Amino acid sequence: MARKKSRSPETASALAAADGSKGYRVEELMACSETLLGVKPEILAGATLGRESKLLQIYEAKRLVDQFLRKKVL
C-alpha cells in the first residue's frame, strides 16, 4: 500500500510560527496534524466534522481533538 507524503517537520514548525491571527484552514492543519497535534489527519477530520467555521487556530484544533477523543462511544 502506498503511503502519502507527509509534510516535513520544518513545514509544520513554519506553520506554527506563522502569523495565524485569522487561523488556518482545516486542510492545512490536517496536512501536518501528526507533528502539530500528535494525531492522524482522520482524527482531526472527525473532530472538526460539522463545524461551520473553516478557519482554526492551533489551540482551537488541539481543544477540539481533546474533546473528540474524550467522547463516550455509545
Protein backbone atom coordinates (compact mmCIF):
# COMPACT_ATOMS: atom_id res chain seq x y z
CA MET A 1 0.00 0.00 0.00
CA ALA A 2 1.44 3.37 -0.95
CA ARG A 3 1.99 5.94 1.75
CA LYS A 4 1.02 9.55 1.34
CA LYS A 5 3.73 12.14 1.54
CA SER A 6 3.62 13.93 4.84
CA ARG A 7 4.88 17.39 5.43
CA SER A 8 8.31 17.75 6.88
CA PRO A 9 8.78 18.98 10.46
CA GLU A 10 10.20 22.21 9.04
CA THR A 11 6.89 22.90 7.31
CA ALA A 12 4.93 22.17 10.47
CA SER A 13 7.13 24.43 12.57
CA ALA A 14 6.86 27.16 9.93
CA LEU A 15 3.08 26.82 10.10
CA ALA A 16 3.18 27.04 13.88
CA ALA A 17 5.44 30.10 13.79
CA ALA A 18 3.49 31.91 11.06
CA ASP A 19 1.12 34.71 11.94
CA GLY A 20 -2.13 32.78 12.13
CA SER A 21 -4.19 35.56 13.69
CA LYS A 22 -7.12 34.65 11.45
CA GLY A 23 -6.48 30.93 11.65
CA TYR A 24 -5.59 28.08 9.34
CA ARG A 25 -7.78 26.07 7.03
CA VAL A 26 -8.61 22.60 8.31
CA GLU A 27 -6.86 21.12 5.26
CA GLU A 28 -3.61 22.88 6.22
CA LEU A 29 -3.83 21.60 9.78
CA MET A 30 -4.63 18.09 8.57
CA ALA A 31 -1.51 18.10 6.39
CA CYS A 32 0.72 18.41 9.45
CA SER A 33 -1.60 17.15 12.19
CA GLU A 34 0.77 14.39 13.30
CA THR A 35 3.53 16.89 14.01
CA LEU A 36 1.41 19.70 15.46
CA LEU A 37 -1.31 17.78 17.28
CA GLY A 38 0.07 14.27 17.61
CA VAL A 39 -2.90 12.66 15.87
CA LYS A 40 -3.63 11.29 12.41
CA PRO A 41 -5.50 13.53 9.96
CA GLU A 42 -8.60 11.34 10.29
CA ILE A 43 -8.90 12.26 13.97
CA LEU A 44 -8.78 15.97 13.16
CA ALA A 45 -11.36 15.42 10.41
CA GLY A 46 -13.70 13.76 12.90
CA ALA A 47 -13.12 16.47 15.50
CA THR A 48 -13.98 19.25 13.05
CA LEU A 49 -16.93 17.50 11.40
CA GLY A 50 -19.99 19.73 11.33
CA ARG A 51 -18.18 22.97 12.14
CA GLU A 52 -19.27 25.96 10.10
CA SER A 53 -16.04 27.87 10.55
CA LYS A 54 -13.33 26.60 8.23
CA LEU A 55 -10.53 28.53 9.96
CA LEU A 56 -8.99 27.32 13.21
CA GLN A 57 -6.22 28.44 15.49
CA ILE A 58 -3.82 25.70 16.56
CA TYR A 59 -5.02 25.87 20.17
CA GLU A 60 -8.64 25.52 18.97
CA ALA A 61 -7.71 22.45 16.94
CA LYS A 62 -6.00 20.91 19.99
CA ARG A 63 -9.07 21.61 22.11
CA LEU A 64 -11.41 20.06 19.54
CA VAL A 65 -9.22 16.97 19.21
CA ASP A 66 -9.11 16.55 23.01
CA GLN A 67 -12.91 16.84 23.23
CA PHE A 68 -13.34 14.39 20.35
CA LEU A 69 -11.04 11.80 21.90
CA ARG A 70 -12.78 12.05 25.29
CA LYS A 71 -16.29 11.49 23.92
CA LYS A 72 -18.03 8.36 25.06
CA VAL A 73 -18.86 5.80 22.43
CA LEU A 74 -22.45 4.61 22.56
